[in-house]
């Protein structure tokens, strides 16, 4: 698993620290595209822990400044990833997250190297890590729409240093079905663009 996390998956996240010119207030922004495989939800959760650790480091290095974390997390709203990010804790009994812990193969036929005695563990964000809220308190019906799969996978999360003023509208199923799926002549991506207006507290 360590080999897959560090050597196979590559980067986890891009970060940048922005400074407001007038007030000199800073904000850490992280953007991530998590691993896609439907049998790898446990890997996505471990990746999120690693991403949050880096966000915390930059948060502390910049006067405990706010954090905005966004991207394609390849995880539906009730997934282990989102429970960990929004509830700060994921139980080892969360069956869907750990279902393929002992059966997922990075490469087909590599099963001989699998360790079937591996057990699920509780995951928890440390108390020092600030809490997140979603810029879409009610998740969109979907952010990814292809003929074979429709789901919400994309998110904008912020710490409570901001007031959410407005979240951008997202298309309905009817809007997309006119063109069968995404992308199409009016929607250039297979993902919906999420936007929001935030105000400093």
Protein backbone atom coordinates (compact mmCIF):
# COMPACT_ATOMS: atom_id res chain seq x y z
CA UNK A 1 0.00 0.00 0.00
CA UNK A 2 2.83 2.39 0.86
CA UNK A 3 4.41 1.65 -2.52
CA UNK A 4 1.14 2.45 -4.28
CA UNK A 5 0.57 5.65 -2.27
CA UNK A 6 4.01 7.12 -2.74
CA UNK A 7 5.33 5.64 -5.97
CA UNK A 8 2.33 4.78 -8.14
CA UNK A 9 -0.14 7.61 -7.58
CA UNK A 10 2.19 10.57 -7.96
CA UNK A 11 1.15 13.94 -6.59
CA UNK A 12 -1.77 14.40 -4.21
CA UNK A 13 -2.41 18.09 -4.34
CA UNK A 14 -1.28 21.50 -5.53
CA UNK A 15 -1.21 24.35 -3.02
CA UNK A 16 -0.73 28.09 -3.22
CA UNK A 17 -0.77 30.80 -0.54
CA UNK A 18 -2.50 34.01 -1.66
CA UNK A 19 -2.26 37.38 0.11
CA UNK A 20 -4.98 40.03 0.06
CA UNK A 21 -3.18 43.24 -0.94
CA UNK A 22 -5.06 45.67 1.25
CA UNK A 23 -5.35 43.71 4.49
CA UNK A 24 -2.37 41.40 3.97
CA UNK A 25 -4.59 38.50 5.07
CA UNK A 26 -3.53 35.17 3.65
CA UNK A 27 -5.36 32.06 2.50
CA UNK A 28 -4.04 28.60 1.67
CA UNK A 29 -5.70 27.06 -1.39
CA UNK A 30 -5.38 23.38 -2.14
CA UNK A 31 -6.57 21.64 -5.28
CA UNK A 32 -6.63 17.89 -5.68
CA UNK A 33 -7.70 15.22 -8.15
CA UNK A 34 -7.95 11.97 -6.20
CA UNK A 35 -7.37 8.51 -7.63
CA UNK A 36 -10.38 7.36 -9.64
CA UNK A 37 -10.59 3.56 -9.25
CA UNK A 38 -13.98 2.41 -7.83
CA UNK A 39 -12.25 -0.26 -5.70
CA UNK A 40 -9.77 2.20 -4.17
CA UNK A 41 -11.87 4.22 -1.74
CA UNK A 42 -9.48 3.29 1.08
CA UNK A 43 -6.57 4.74 -0.91
CA UNK A 44 -8.51 7.98 -1.46
CA UNK A 45 -9.07 8.28 2.29
CA UNK A 46 -5.38 7.80 3.04
CA UNK A 47 -4.53 10.34 0.36
CA UNK A 48 -6.90 12.83 1.99
CA UNK A 49 -5.11 12.38 5.30
CA UNK A 50 -1.83 13.18 3.56
CA UNK A 51 -3.34 16.21 1.83
CA UNK A 52 -4.78 17.55 5.09
CA UNK A 53 -1.41 17.15 6.77
CA UNK A 54 0.18 19.37 4.12
CA UNK A 55 -2.65 21.91 4.37
CA UNK A 56 -2.15 22.04 8.13
CA UNK A 57 1.58 22.66 7.71
CA UNK A 58 0.95 25.60 5.38
CA UNK A 59 -1.89 26.84 7.59
CA UNK A 60 0.50 27.04 10.57
CA UNK A 61 3.35 28.52 8.53
CA UNK A 62 1.08 31.39 7.48
CA UNK A 63 -0.30 32.72 10.76
CA UNK A 64 -3.06 30.09 11.04
CA UNK A 65 -4.68 31.51 7.91
CA UNK A 66 -7.89 30.19 6.33
CA UNK A 67 -7.95 27.19 3.98
CA UNK A 68 -9.90 26.56 0.79
CA UNK A 69 -9.71 22.96 -0.42
CA UNK A 70 -11.33 22.02 -3.71
CA UNK A 71 -11.15 19.62 -6.61
CA UNK A 72 -12.33 16.35 -8.06
CA UNK A 73 -12.26 14.00 -5.08
CA UNK A 74 -13.79 11.10 -7.05
CA UNK A 75 -16.01 10.50 -4.03
CA UNK A 76 -19.77 10.78 -3.61
CA UNK A 77 -21.23 12.92 -0.78
CA UNK A 78 -21.72 9.94 1.58
CA UNK A 79 -18.29 8.46 0.92
CA UNK A 80 -15.59 7.82 3.48
CA UNK A 81 -13.57 10.69 2.03
CA UNK A 82 -16.34 13.22 2.62
CA UNK A 83 -17.18 11.84 6.07
CA UNK A 84 -13.53 12.24 7.01
CA UNK A 85 -13.33 15.78 5.63
CA UNK A 86 -16.63 17.09 7.03
CA UNK A 87 -17.08 14.96 10.16
CA UNK A 88 -13.35 14.63 10.90
CA UNK A 89 -13.66 10.89 11.59
CA UNK A 90 -14.12 7.64 9.68
CA UNK A 91 -14.90 4.43 11.51
CA UNK A 92 -13.11 1.20 10.62
CA UNK A 93 -16.58 -0.37 10.34
CA UNK A 94 -17.43 1.82 7.35
CA UNK A 95 -17.77 -1.17 5.06
CA UNK A 96 -17.88 0.61 1.71
CA UNK A 97 -14.59 2.39 2.34
CA UNK A 98 -12.65 -0.71 3.34
CA UNK A 99 -14.51 -3.26 1.21
CA UNK A 100 -11.64 -3.85 -1.22
CA UNK A 101 -8.77 -3.31 1.21
CA UNK A 102 -7.49 -6.87 0.76
CA UNK A 103 -8.61 -7.46 -2.81
CA UNK A 104 -7.71 -4.36 -4.80
CA UNK A 105 -4.81 -4.92 -7.19
CA UNK A 106 -2.87 -2.05 -8.68
CA UNK A 107 -1.97 -4.28 -11.61
CA UNK A 108 -4.02 -7.24 -12.73
CA UNK A 109 -2.44 -10.50 -11.65
CA UNK A 110 -0.52 -9.00 -8.76
CA UNK A 111 -2.67 -10.83 -6.20
CA UNK A 112 0.21 -12.98 -5.07
CA UNK A 113 1.61 -10.00 -3.21
CA UNK A 114 -1.62 -9.13 -1.42
CA UNK A 115 -1.72 -9.30 2.36
CA UNK A 116 -5.08 -10.75 3.34
CA UNK A 117 -4.50 -10.17 7.05
CA UNK A 118 -4.64 -6.37 6.66
CA UNK A 119 -7.41 -4.80 8.75
CA UNK A 120 -9.34 -1.55 8.46
CA UNK A 121 -8.46 1.24 10.87
CA UNK A 122 -10.22 4.26 12.32
CA UNK A 123 -9.17 7.48 10.59
CA UNK A 124 -9.35 10.86 12.28
CA UNK A 125 -8.18 14.39 11.55
CA UNK A 126 -6.10 15.78 14.43
CA UNK A 127 -7.67 18.37 16.80
CA UNK A 128 -5.20 20.95 15.48
CA UNK A 129 -6.67 20.71 11.98
CA UNK A 130 -9.41 23.32 11.35
CA UNK A 131 -12.88 22.14 10.45
CA UNK A 132 -14.31 22.35 6.93
CA UNK A 133 -17.69 23.44 5.65
CA UNK A 134 -18.97 22.93 2.12
CA UNK A 135 -19.65 25.79 -0.27
CA UNK A 136 -22.59 23.65 -1.40
CA UNK A 137 -24.31 22.69 1.89
CA UNK A 138 -26.82 20.76 -0.20
CA UNK A 139 -24.64 18.89 -2.71
CA UNK A 140 -25.54 19.28 -6.38
CA UNK A 141 -27.47 16.40 -7.90
CA UNK A 142 -24.34 15.66 -9.92
CA UNK A 143 -21.05 17.19 -11.00
CA UNK A 144 -20.11 14.40 -13.40
CA UNK A 145 -22.45 13.18 -16.11
CA UNK A 146 -21.65 10.52 -18.68
CA UNK A 147 -24.00 7.92 -20.10
CA UNK A 148 -22.78 5.15 -17.80
CA UNK A 149 -22.27 7.15 -14.59
CA UNK A 150 -23.86 10.20 -12.93
CA UNK A 151 -22.60 11.40 -9.54
CA UNK A 152 -21.37 14.31 -7.43
CA UNK A 153 -17.57 14.05 -7.27
CA UNK A 154 -16.38 17.66 -7.05
CA UNK A 155 -16.29 19.96 -4.01
CA UNK A 156 -15.29 23.33 -2.61
CA UNK A 157 -14.54 23.22 1.12
CA UNK A 158 -13.56 26.13 3.34
CA UNK A 159 -12.65 26.76 6.95
CA UNK A 160 -15.06 28.86 9.02
CA UNK A 161 -13.07 32.05 8.40
CA UNK A 162 -15.45 32.77 5.53
CA UNK A 163 -19.13 33.51 5.16
CA UNK A 164 -20.69 31.77 2.18
CA UNK A 165 -22.59 34.43 0.25
CA UNK A 166 -23.60 32.50 -2.84
CA UNK A 167 -23.00 29.21 -4.63
CA UNK A 168 -23.19 29.00 -8.38
CA UNK A 169 -26.09 27.24 -10.08
CA UNK A 170 -25.52 23.80 -11.54
CA UNK A 171 -27.30 22.19 -14.49
CA UNK A 172 -30.22 19.82 -14.10
CA UNK A 173 -30.43 16.34 -15.57
CA UNK A 174 -32.82 17.70 -18.16
CA UNK A 175 -30.27 20.33 -19.19
CA UNK A 176 -27.68 17.64 -19.87
CA UNK A 177 -29.99 15.01 -21.35
CA UNK A 178 -30.74 17.37 -24.23
CA UNK A 179 -27.20 16.56 -25.34
CA UNK A 180 -27.18 12.96 -24.01
CA UNK A 181 -24.19 13.48 -21.71
CA UNK A 182 -21.15 15.62 -20.96
CA UNK A 183 -19.03 16.91 -22.57
CA UNK A 184 -21.12 18.30 -25.42
CA UNK A 185 -21.30 21.36 -27.67
CA UNK A 186 -22.45 23.57 -24.76
CA UNK A 187 -20.56 21.91 -21.90
CA UNK A 188 -16.86 21.42 -22.69
CA UNK A 189 -16.06 19.12 -19.77
CA UNK A 190 -17.52 15.93 -18.30
CA UNK A 191 -17.51 17.74 -14.93
CA UNK A 192 -19.63 20.67 -13.77
CA UNK A 193 -17.74 23.82 -12.79
CA UNK A 194 -18.42 24.74 -9.16
CA UNK A 195 -18.09 28.38 -8.09
CA UNK A 196 -18.96 30.36 -4.99
CA UNK A 197 -18.68 33.84 -3.45
CA UNK A 198 -16.98 33.94 -0.07
CA UNK A 199 -16.64 36.88 2.31
CA UNK A 200 -13.95 37.19 4.97
CA UNK A 201 -15.38 37.15 8.49
